[in-house]
Amino acid sequence: MDFKLDRTAFSKQSHQDEDSSKTFRHLCYKERLEVAFYLNSVAFNFDRNNPPKMDKTYFTKRARN
């Protein structure tokens, strides 16, 4: 799926107005996740077909006492 951001579809609104907005409610959860992944790829400037890998050396695993 290829997405394009329609900047005319959004406007400033209050939190109360946002709650009643039905922008993405017609999409199933998988489609919402795809849209979110696309927006993250745009925000963090990475290729959707080749996302960055998590640095697993940063985290450690240990048993609780």
N, C-alpha and C. Protein backbone atom coordinates (compact mmCIF):
# COMPACT_ATOMS: atom_id res chain seq x y z
N MET A 1 0.83 -1.17 0.00
CA MET A 1 0.00 0.00 0.00
C MET A 1 0.88 1.24 0.00
N ASP A 2 0.56 2.21 -0.81
CA ASP A 2 1.33 3.45 -0.85
C ASP A 2 0.42 4.58 -0.39
N PHE A 3 0.85 5.31 0.62
CA PHE A 3 0.04 6.38 1.20
C PHE A 3 0.59 7.73 0.79
N LYS A 4 -0.29 8.68 0.69
CA LYS A 4 0.10 10.06 0.44
C LYS A 4 -0.68 10.93 1.43
N LEU A 5 0.02 11.82 2.11
CA LEU A 5 -0.60 12.66 3.12
C LEU A 5 -1.36 13.79 2.46
N ASP A 6 -2.66 13.84 2.70
CA ASP A 6 -3.50 14.92 2.19
C ASP A 6 -3.55 16.02 3.24
N ARG A 7 -2.78 17.06 3.07
CA ARG A 7 -2.66 18.12 4.07
C ARG A 7 -3.92 18.98 4.17
N THR A 8 -4.81 18.90 3.20
CA THR A 8 -6.05 19.68 3.26
C THR A 8 -7.10 18.98 4.12
N ALA A 9 -6.87 17.73 4.50
CA ALA A 9 -7.87 16.97 5.26
C ALA A 9 -7.81 17.27 6.75
N PHE A 10 -6.81 18.02 7.20
CA PHE A 10 -6.64 18.26 8.63
C PHE A 10 -6.82 19.74 8.94
N SER A 11 -7.28 20.00 10.15
CA SER A 11 -7.43 21.38 10.59
C SER A 11 -7.22 21.45 12.10
N LYS A 12 -6.98 22.67 12.59
CA LYS A 12 -6.86 22.86 14.03
C LYS A 12 -8.19 22.59 14.69
N GLN A 13 -8.14 21.93 15.86
CA GLN A 13 -9.37 21.66 16.59
C GLN A 13 -9.07 21.43 18.06
N SER A 14 -10.09 21.54 18.87
CA SER A 14 -9.91 21.33 20.31
C SER A 14 -9.95 19.83 20.61
N HIS A 15 -9.63 19.48 21.84
CA HIS A 15 -9.67 18.08 22.23
C HIS A 15 -11.09 17.52 22.16
N GLN A 16 -12.07 18.34 22.48
CA GLN A 16 -13.46 17.89 22.42
C GLN A 16 -13.87 17.60 20.97
N ASP A 17 -13.44 18.46 20.05
CA ASP A 17 -13.75 18.24 18.64
C ASP A 17 -13.02 17.02 18.11
N GLU A 18 -11.81 16.80 18.60
CA GLU A 18 -11.02 15.67 18.13
C GLU A 18 -11.67 14.35 18.51
N ASP A 19 -12.27 14.29 19.69
CA ASP A 19 -12.91 13.06 20.13
C ASP A 19 -14.05 12.65 19.21
N SER A 20 -14.72 13.61 18.65
CA SER A 20 -15.84 13.28 17.77
C SER A 20 -15.40 13.06 16.32
N SER A 21 -14.14 13.26 16.05
CA SER A 21 -13.63 13.08 14.68
C SER A 21 -13.63 11.61 14.31
N LYS A 22 -14.00 11.32 13.09
CA LYS A 22 -14.04 9.93 12.63
C LYS A 22 -13.09 9.72 11.46
N THR A 23 -11.93 10.34 11.53
CA THR A 23 -10.99 10.30 10.41
C THR A 23 -10.56 8.89 10.06
N PHE A 24 -10.13 8.12 11.06
CA PHE A 24 -9.60 6.78 10.79
C PHE A 24 -10.47 5.67 11.36
N ARG A 25 -11.65 5.99 11.83
CA ARG A 25 -12.49 4.97 12.47
C ARG A 25 -13.04 3.95 11.48
N HIS A 26 -13.09 4.28 10.21
CA HIS A 26 -13.60 3.34 9.22
C HIS A 26 -12.57 2.29 8.83
N LEU A 27 -11.31 2.49 9.23
CA LEU A 27 -10.24 1.54 8.91
C LEU A 27 -10.17 0.44 9.96
N CYS A 28 -9.81 -0.77 9.54
CA CYS A 28 -9.60 -1.83 10.52
C CYS A 28 -8.25 -1.58 11.21
N TYR A 29 -7.97 -2.30 12.29
CA TYR A 29 -6.77 -2.02 13.07
C TYR A 29 -5.49 -2.24 12.29
N LYS A 30 -5.49 -3.21 11.35
CA LYS A 30 -4.28 -3.45 10.54
C LYS A 30 -4.00 -2.26 9.63
N GLU A 31 -5.04 -1.70 9.04
CA GLU A 31 -4.86 -0.53 8.18
C GLU A 31 -4.41 0.68 9.00
N ARG A 32 -4.93 0.82 10.22
CA ARG A 32 -4.49 1.92 11.09
C ARG A 32 -3.01 1.78 11.42
N LEU A 33 -2.56 0.55 11.69
CA LEU A 33 -1.14 0.32 11.97
C LEU A 33 -0.28 0.63 10.76
N GLU A 34 -0.75 0.30 9.56
CA GLU A 34 -0.01 0.63 8.34
C GLU A 34 0.12 2.14 8.17
N VAL A 35 -0.96 2.87 8.45
CA VAL A 35 -0.92 4.33 8.36
C VAL A 35 0.05 4.88 9.39
N ALA A 36 0.01 4.35 10.62
CA ALA A 36 0.92 4.81 11.67
C ALA A 36 2.36 4.52 11.30
N PHE A 37 2.62 3.35 10.72
CA PHE A 37 3.98 3.00 10.31
C PHE A 37 4.46 3.95 9.21
N TYR A 38 3.58 4.29 8.28
CA TYR A 38 3.93 5.23 7.23
C TYR A 38 4.27 6.60 7.82
N LEU A 39 3.44 7.08 8.75
CA LEU A 39 3.69 8.39 9.35
C LEU A 39 5.00 8.39 10.14
N ASN A 40 5.32 7.29 10.82
CA ASN A 40 6.61 7.19 11.51
C ASN A 40 7.76 7.21 10.53
N SER A 41 7.60 6.54 9.39
CA SER A 41 8.68 6.53 8.39
C SER A 41 8.92 7.93 7.83
N VAL A 42 7.86 8.71 7.69
CA VAL A 42 8.02 10.09 7.22
C VAL A 42 8.66 10.95 8.30
N ALA A 43 8.19 10.80 9.54
CA ALA A 43 8.69 11.62 10.64
C ALA A 43 10.16 11.35 10.94
N PHE A 44 10.56 10.08 10.88
CA PHE A 44 11.94 9.71 11.23
C PHE A 44 12.81 9.44 10.01
N ASN A 45 12.26 9.70 8.82
CA ASN A 45 13.01 9.66 7.57
C ASN A 45 13.71 8.32 7.34
N PHE A 46 12.93 7.23 7.32
CA PHE A 46 13.49 5.92 6.96
C PHE A 46 12.62 5.27 5.90
N ASP A 47 13.22 4.36 5.17
CA ASP A 47 12.53 3.66 4.09
C ASP A 47 11.59 2.62 4.70
N ARG A 48 10.34 2.61 4.28
CA ARG A 48 9.37 1.65 4.82
C ARG A 48 9.74 0.22 4.47
N ASN A 49 10.40 0.00 3.36
CA ASN A 49 10.79 -1.35 2.96
C ASN A 49 12.05 -1.83 3.67
N ASN A 50 12.77 -0.91 4.30
CA ASN A 50 13.99 -1.26 5.01
C ASN A 50 14.06 -0.46 6.31
N PRO A 51 13.21 -0.79 7.30
CA PRO A 51 13.19 -0.01 8.54
C PRO A 51 14.45 -0.25 9.36
N PRO A 52 14.82 0.70 10.21
CA PRO A 52 16.02 0.53 11.03
C PRO A 52 15.84 -0.61 12.04
N LYS A 53 16.93 -1.26 12.36
CA LYS A 53 16.91 -2.35 13.32
C LYS A 53 17.10 -1.80 14.73
N MET A 54 16.53 -2.48 15.71
CA MET A 54 16.69 -2.08 17.09
C MET A 54 18.08 -2.49 17.58
N ASP A 55 18.74 -1.59 18.30
CA ASP A 55 20.05 -1.89 18.86
C ASP A 55 19.85 -2.76 20.09
N LYS A 56 20.02 -4.07 19.93
CA LYS A 56 19.77 -5.01 21.02
C LYS A 56 20.92 -5.08 22.01
N THR A 57 22.03 -4.43 21.71
CA THR A 57 23.15 -4.42 22.65
C THR A 57 22.91 -3.43 23.77
N TYR A 58 21.96 -2.54 23.62
CA TYR A 58 21.66 -1.52 24.62
C TYR A 58 20.94 -2.12 25.83
N PHE A 59 20.13 -3.13 25.59
CA PHE A 59 19.34 -3.74 26.64
C PHE A 59 20.00 -5.01 27.14
N THR A 60 19.80 -5.31 28.43
CA THR A 60 20.32 -6.55 29.02
C THR A 60 19.16 -7.33 29.64
N LYS A 61 19.37 -8.62 29.74
CA LYS A 61 18.38 -9.49 30.30
C LYS A 61 18.96 -10.10 31.58
N ARG A 62 18.19 -10.05 32.67
CA ARG A 62 18.67 -10.65 33.91
C ARG A 62 17.48 -11.16 34.70
N ALA A 63 17.75 -12.09 35.61
CA ALA A 63 16.69 -12.69 36.42
C ALA A 63 16.39 -11.79 37.63
N ARG A 64 15.15 -11.76 38.03
CA ARG A 64 14.77 -11.02 39.23
C ARG A 64 15.08 -11.86 40.46
N ASN A 65 15.41 -11.19 41.55
CA ASN A 65 15.68 -11.90 42.81
C ASN A 65 14.44 -11.95 43.67
